[in-house]
Protein backbone atom coordinates (compact mmCIF):
# COMPACT_ATOMS: atom_id res chain seq x y z
CA MET A 1 -18.83 -22.55 0.05
CA GLY A 2 -15.30 -23.06 -1.28
CA LEU A 3 -12.30 -21.22 0.05
CA LEU A 4 -11.99 -19.44 -3.30
CA SER A 5 -15.59 -19.15 -4.42
CA GLU A 6 -16.55 -16.50 -6.96
CA LYS A 7 -17.44 -14.13 -4.12
CA ASN A 8 -14.12 -14.70 -2.38
CA LYS A 9 -12.22 -14.24 -5.65
CA GLU A 10 -13.95 -10.89 -6.08
CA VAL A 11 -13.06 -9.94 -2.49
CA LEU A 12 -9.41 -10.82 -3.14
CA LEU A 13 -8.98 -9.54 -6.70
CA GLY A 14 -11.32 -6.54 -6.70
CA PRO A 15 -8.94 -4.22 -4.81
CA LEU A 16 -6.13 -5.00 -7.24
CA SER A 17 -7.81 -2.95 -9.97
CA ALA A 18 -11.55 -2.29 -10.10
CA ASN A 19 -11.74 -1.19 -6.45
CA ASN A 20 -8.12 -0.27 -5.79
CA PRO A 21 -7.81 1.54 -2.44
CA VAL A 22 -5.42 4.20 -3.80
CA VAL A 23 -6.56 5.01 -7.34
CA VAL A 24 -10.30 4.34 -6.84
CA GLN A 25 -11.03 4.90 -3.16
CA MET A 26 -8.29 7.56 -2.79
CA LEU A 27 -7.00 6.04 0.48
CA GLY A 28 -3.41 5.91 1.71
CA ILE A 29 -2.14 8.54 -0.72
CA CYS A 30 -0.11 10.44 1.90
CA SER A 31 2.17 7.49 2.64
CA ALA A 32 2.40 6.80 -1.09
CA LEU A 33 3.93 10.25 -1.51
CA ALA A 34 6.37 9.81 1.34
CA VAL A 35 8.01 6.40 0.84
CA THR A 36 8.27 6.00 -2.94
CA SER A 37 11.42 7.95 -3.82
CA LYS A 38 13.17 4.55 -3.83
CA LEU A 39 11.79 1.15 -4.81
CA GLU A 40 13.02 -0.81 -1.78
CA PRO A 41 11.17 1.16 0.92
CA ALA A 42 8.07 1.18 -1.31
CA ILE A 43 8.14 -2.65 -1.47
CA VAL A 44 8.73 -2.99 2.28
CA MET A 45 5.96 -0.51 3.08
CA GLY A 46 3.59 -2.37 0.77
CA ILE A 47 4.38 -5.72 2.41
CA SER A 48 4.04 -4.19 5.89
CA VAL A 49 0.64 -2.68 5.16
CA THR A 50 -0.57 -5.93 3.57
CA ALA A 51 0.44 -7.94 6.63
CA VAL A 52 -1.12 -5.47 9.06
CA VAL A 53 -4.40 -5.15 7.13
CA ALA A 54 -4.76 -8.91 6.62
CA PHE A 55 -4.17 -9.91 10.25
CA ALA A 56 -6.08 -6.92 11.65
CA ASN A 57 -9.06 -7.99 9.55
CA VAL A 58 -8.87 -11.55 10.89
CA ILE A 59 -8.66 -10.40 14.52
CA ILE A 60 -11.49 -7.87 14.13
CA SER A 61 -13.63 -10.50 12.38
CA LEU A 62 -13.09 -12.97 15.22
CA MET A 63 -14.08 -10.28 17.74
CA ARG A 64 -16.89 -8.71 15.70
CA ASN A 65 -19.76 -10.16 17.74
CA THR A 66 -18.29 -8.97 21.03
CA ILE A 67 -17.30 -5.39 20.07
CA PRO A 68 -19.83 -2.74 21.16
CA ASN A 69 -20.49 -0.40 18.25
CA ARG A 70 -19.64 2.70 20.29
CA ILE A 71 -16.02 1.60 20.78
CA ARG A 72 -15.54 -0.11 17.40
CA ILE A 73 -12.97 2.40 16.13
CA ILE A 74 -11.02 2.32 19.42
CA VAL A 75 -10.78 -1.47 19.27
CA GLN A 76 -9.66 -1.35 15.63
CA LEU A 77 -6.97 1.19 16.47
CA VAL A 78 -5.69 -0.91 19.39
CA VAL A 79 -5.48 -4.02 17.19
CA VAL A 80 -3.75 -2.14 14.38
CA ALA A 81 -1.35 -0.38 16.78
CA ALA A 82 -0.29 -3.73 18.25
CA LEU A 83 0.33 -5.21 14.80
CA VAL A 84 2.21 -2.10 13.62
CA THR A 85 4.45 -2.31 16.69
CA ILE A 86 5.27 -5.93 15.83
CA VAL A 87 6.02 -5.01 12.21
CA SER A 88 8.22 -2.11 13.32
CA GLU A 89 10.24 -4.35 15.65
CA VAL A 90 10.65 -7.00 12.93
CA LEU A 91 11.95 -4.35 10.50
CA LYS A 92 14.37 -3.04 13.11
CA ALA A 93 15.68 -6.56 13.64
CA PHE A 94 15.93 -7.74 10.03
CA ALA A 95 15.88 -4.65 7.78
CA TYR A 96 17.27 -1.84 9.88
CA ASP A 97 18.45 0.33 6.98
CA VAL A 98 15.05 0.19 5.30
CA ASN A 99 13.36 0.88 8.61
CA LYS A 100 15.45 4.06 8.91
CA GLN A 101 14.40 5.11 5.40
CA LEU A 102 10.75 4.58 6.27
CA SER A 103 11.31 6.54 9.48
CA VAL A 104 8.03 7.52 11.17
CA PHE A 105 5.91 6.26 8.29
CA VAL A 106 5.82 2.70 9.62
CA GLY A 107 4.13 4.01 12.74
CA LEU A 108 1.79 6.07 10.62
CA ILE A 109 0.37 2.87 9.13
CA ILE A 110 -2.01 3.19 12.09
CA THR A 111 -3.59 6.25 10.46
CA ASN A 112 -3.98 4.61 7.04
CA CYS A 113 -7.69 4.76 6.19
CA ILE A 114 -7.48 1.39 4.42
CA LEU A 115 -7.34 -0.15 7.89
CA MET A 116 -10.60 1.47 8.98
CA GLU A 117 -12.86 -0.24 6.48
CA ALA A 118 -15.77 -2.11 8.05
CA PHE A 119 -15.59 -5.31 5.95
CA ALA A 120 -14.29 -7.46 8.82
CA LEU A 121 -17.19 -6.42 11.05
CA GLY A 122 -19.69 -8.12 8.77
CA ASN A 123 -17.79 -11.11 7.42
CA GLY A 124 -15.97 -14.23 8.58
CA PRO A 125 -12.22 -14.52 9.25
CA TRP A 126 -11.34 -16.12 5.88
CA GLU A 127 -13.24 -13.56 3.80
CA SER A 128 -11.78 -10.78 5.96
CA PHE A 129 -8.28 -12.18 5.47
CA LEU A 130 -8.74 -12.22 1.69
CA ASP A 131 -10.10 -8.67 1.80
CA GLY A 132 -7.04 -7.57 3.77
CA ILE A 133 -4.64 -9.29 1.39
CA GLY A 134 -6.43 -7.80 -1.63
CA ASN A 135 -6.47 -4.24 -0.27
CA GLY A 136 -2.90 -4.50 0.94
CA LEU A 137 -1.65 -5.79 -2.40
CA GLY A 138 -3.69 -3.18 -4.26
CA TYR A 139 -1.99 -0.51 -2.15
CA ALA A 140 1.43 -2.16 -2.57
CA ILE A 141 1.12 -2.36 -6.37
CA ILE A 142 0.64 1.40 -6.62
CA LEU A 143 3.58 2.08 -4.29
CA ILE A 144 5.83 -0.24 -6.30
CA ILE A 145 4.86 1.34 -9.63
CA VAL A 146 5.48 4.84 -8.28
CA GLY A 147 8.73 3.81 -6.58
CA PHE A 148 9.93 2.08 -9.75
CA PHE A 149 9.57 5.14 -11.97
CA ARG A 150 10.76 7.64 -9.36
CA GLU A 151 13.97 5.74 -8.61
CA LEU A 152 14.64 4.82 -12.23
CA LEU A 153 14.15 8.31 -13.64
CA GLY A 154 15.33 10.21 -10.58
CA SER A 155 18.46 8.22 -9.68
CA GLY A 156 19.07 5.87 -12.61
CA THR A 157 18.95 2.90 -10.24
CA LEU A 158 16.57 0.16 -9.09
CA LEU A 159 16.92 -1.37 -5.64
CA GLY A 160 20.22 0.49 -5.41
CA PHE A 161 21.72 -1.09 -8.54
CA GLN A 162 22.69 1.07 -11.51
CA VAL A 163 20.26 0.39 -14.35
CA ILE A 164 20.84 3.19 -16.84
CA PRO A 165 24.18 2.46 -18.58
CA GLN A 166 27.10 4.78 -17.99
CA ALA A 167 27.28 5.26 -21.76
CA PHE A 168 23.99 7.19 -21.59
CA TYR A 169 25.51 9.61 -19.07
CA ASP A 170 28.60 9.95 -21.24
CA LEU A 171 26.30 11.02 -24.08
CA GLY A 172 24.75 13.71 -21.91
CA TYR A 173 21.86 11.95 -20.14
CA VAL A 174 21.03 13.53 -16.78
CA ASN A 175 18.86 12.08 -14.01
CA ASN A 176 15.63 13.95 -13.43
CA GLY A 177 16.11 15.27 -9.91
CA LEU A 178 12.49 16.36 -9.73
CA MET A 179 11.40 12.71 -9.66
CA ILE A 180 12.74 12.19 -6.14
CA LEU A 181 10.78 15.16 -4.76
CA PRO A 182 7.38 14.44 -3.11
CA PRO A 183 5.31 16.48 -5.63
CA MET A 184 6.37 14.12 -8.42
CA ALA A 185 4.88 11.18 -6.53
CA LEU A 186 1.53 12.97 -6.67
CA ILE A 187 1.93 13.54 -10.41
CA VAL A 188 2.86 9.88 -11.04
CA ILE A 189 -0.16 8.73 -9.02
CA ALA A 190 -2.34 11.16 -10.97
CA VAL A 191 -1.09 9.62 -14.23
CA ILE A 192 -1.85 6.12 -12.89
CA ILE A 193 -5.37 7.24 -11.94
CA TRP A 194 -5.86 8.76 -15.41
CA VAL A 195 -4.70 5.57 -17.18
CA HIS A 196 -6.76 3.38 -14.83
CA ARG A 197 -9.95 5.37 -15.38
CA ALA A 198 -9.37 5.54 -19.11
CA LYS A 199 -9.37 1.74 -19.17
CA ASN A 200 -12.30 1.42 -16.75
CA LYS A 201 -15.03 3.58 -18.22
CA GLU A 202 -17.48 2.62 -15.46
CA LEU A 203 -15.37 4.55 -12.95
CA GLN A 204 -15.72 7.80 -14.85
CA GLU A 205 -18.22 10.31 -13.50
CA ASN A 206 -21.12 11.20 -15.73
């Protein structure tokens, strides 16, 4: 079996759209509300979750035949907690300002339900790694879309740089302050879900 067989491609690409963890499985929405008022923390959070999910999947897959079923969740939490600690320390060392913006939400990656899926318990390390990358990127894509629109419309900036020309403000344009409030993240995600399901008729309930 090739490293990117049809099955592995589905494992990697499925979570990007057809089986997206946020808009289809409804996982990880709480953190999506909390870290998307700006684009930069949304990108960093997405990368962090992708790294944690991918490597947690590999470790759990390697250990899957030695983990008693009754302590499966405990082992998963220990693995994830160790990886989250490493990610947190790396952010403190190399992206301290962003780490402060993310605040406690880096630590709360541990509670992200995406990490609790059982795929790695029934598949090999490579397939589990691809599943982790796919789910992490699927999660990150939604965060980046939400962060993009919230920062652009709420602050007129992207990654801290002014995007909307000053001439627009001179003509009376005003930033939409509601966009940087948490409820607007929920509304933006709801719009994404609506658009996604409109394009994927098979996801609509009968």
